[in-house]
């Protein structure tokens, strides 16, 4: 998957994940970073359970990325001292 695809997937997953976790978002740059990290974490989580991780720019990969972004955002809020609303 190319860098542009990772950025697009990161933006979408980060935005959706941040809306799920705290309803306000983290800002565009932070949403991109957390979304890309979330895609990686989501891929690792799904791979650990025997499913395939991020496979490209498709709905399945978006779901995997959003789940990973929610996990990353939850951990971010726990360690930064910010609480989700």
Protein backbone atom coordinates (compact mmCIF):
# COMPACT_ATOMS: atom_id res chain seq x y z
CA UNK A 1 0.00 0.00 0.00
CA UNK A 2 1.42 3.39 -0.97
CA UNK A 3 2.00 6.34 1.33
CA UNK A 4 -0.98 8.24 -0.11
CA UNK A 5 -3.25 5.29 0.66
CA UNK A 6 -1.93 5.13 4.23
CA UNK A 7 -2.59 8.86 4.67
CA UNK A 8 -6.12 8.61 3.27
CA UNK A 9 -6.88 5.56 5.42
CA UNK A 10 -5.26 7.29 8.41
CA UNK A 11 -7.35 10.43 8.02
CA UNK A 12 -10.60 8.51 7.74
CA UNK A 13 -9.81 6.01 10.52
CA UNK A 14 -8.43 8.70 12.82
CA UNK A 15 -11.44 10.92 12.31
CA UNK A 16 -13.97 8.12 12.88
CA UNK A 17 -12.00 6.73 15.82
CA UNK A 18 -11.72 10.12 17.51
CA UNK A 19 -15.46 10.72 17.08
CA UNK A 20 -16.16 7.33 18.69
CA UNK A 21 -13.79 7.90 21.61
CA UNK A 22 -14.32 11.55 22.53
CA UNK A 23 -16.78 13.12 20.04
CA UNK A 24 -14.55 16.12 19.25
CA UNK A 25 -11.51 14.88 17.33
CA UNK A 26 -7.86 15.59 18.02
CA UNK A 27 -7.16 17.95 15.13
CA UNK A 28 -6.28 17.01 11.57
CA UNK A 29 -2.60 16.19 12.08
CA UNK A 30 -3.18 14.18 15.25
CA UNK A 31 -6.11 12.35 13.61
CA UNK A 32 -3.82 11.36 10.70
CA UNK A 33 -1.01 10.17 12.97
CA UNK A 34 -3.30 8.27 15.33
CA UNK A 35 -5.21 6.82 12.37
CA UNK A 36 -2.05 5.50 10.73
CA UNK A 37 -0.80 4.11 14.03
CA UNK A 38 -4.30 2.70 14.56
CA UNK A 39 -4.14 0.95 11.19
CA UNK A 40 -0.89 -0.70 12.22
CA UNK A 41 -2.21 -1.64 15.67
CA UNK A 42 -5.49 -2.88 14.19
CA UNK A 43 -3.55 -5.02 11.70
CA UNK A 44 -1.49 -6.50 14.53
CA UNK A 45 -4.60 -7.20 16.63
CA UNK A 46 -6.42 -8.88 13.75
CA UNK A 47 -3.31 -10.86 12.79
CA UNK A 48 -2.96 -12.10 16.37
CA UNK A 49 -6.47 -13.56 16.11
CA UNK A 50 -5.75 -15.20 12.75
CA UNK A 51 -7.53 -12.70 10.50
CA UNK A 52 -5.82 -10.60 7.88
CA UNK A 53 -4.85 -7.05 8.81
CA UNK A 54 -4.95 -4.03 6.53
CA UNK A 55 -5.17 -5.29 2.96
CA UNK A 56 -5.49 -2.08 0.97
CA UNK A 57 -7.83 0.86 0.59
CA UNK A 58 -11.15 -0.92 1.17
CA UNK A 59 -13.98 -1.21 3.71
CA UNK A 60 -12.43 -4.17 5.56
CA UNK A 61 -9.17 -2.28 6.04
CA UNK A 62 -11.11 0.77 7.18
CA UNK A 63 -12.89 -1.30 9.85
CA UNK A 64 -9.57 -2.80 11.00
CA UNK A 65 -8.02 0.69 11.09
CA UNK A 66 -10.91 2.24 13.00
CA UNK A 67 -10.76 -0.52 15.63
CA UNK A 68 -7.02 0.05 15.94
CA UNK A 69 -7.51 3.83 16.11
CA UNK A 70 -10.05 3.43 18.92
CA UNK A 71 -7.55 1.29 20.86
CA UNK A 72 -4.75 3.81 20.24
CA UNK A 73 -6.96 6.78 21.17
CA UNK A 74 -8.14 5.06 24.34
CA UNK A 75 -4.51 4.40 25.33
CA UNK A 76 -3.56 7.98 24.38
CA UNK A 77 -6.25 9.37 26.67
CA UNK A 78 -5.23 7.05 29.50
CA UNK A 79 -1.56 8.04 29.34
CA UNK A 80 -2.02 11.75 28.58
CA UNK A 81 -4.41 12.30 31.46
CA UNK A 82 -7.23 13.42 29.19
CA UNK A 83 -10.47 11.63 29.69
CA UNK A 84 -12.93 10.73 26.96
CA UNK A 85 -16.34 12.37 27.40
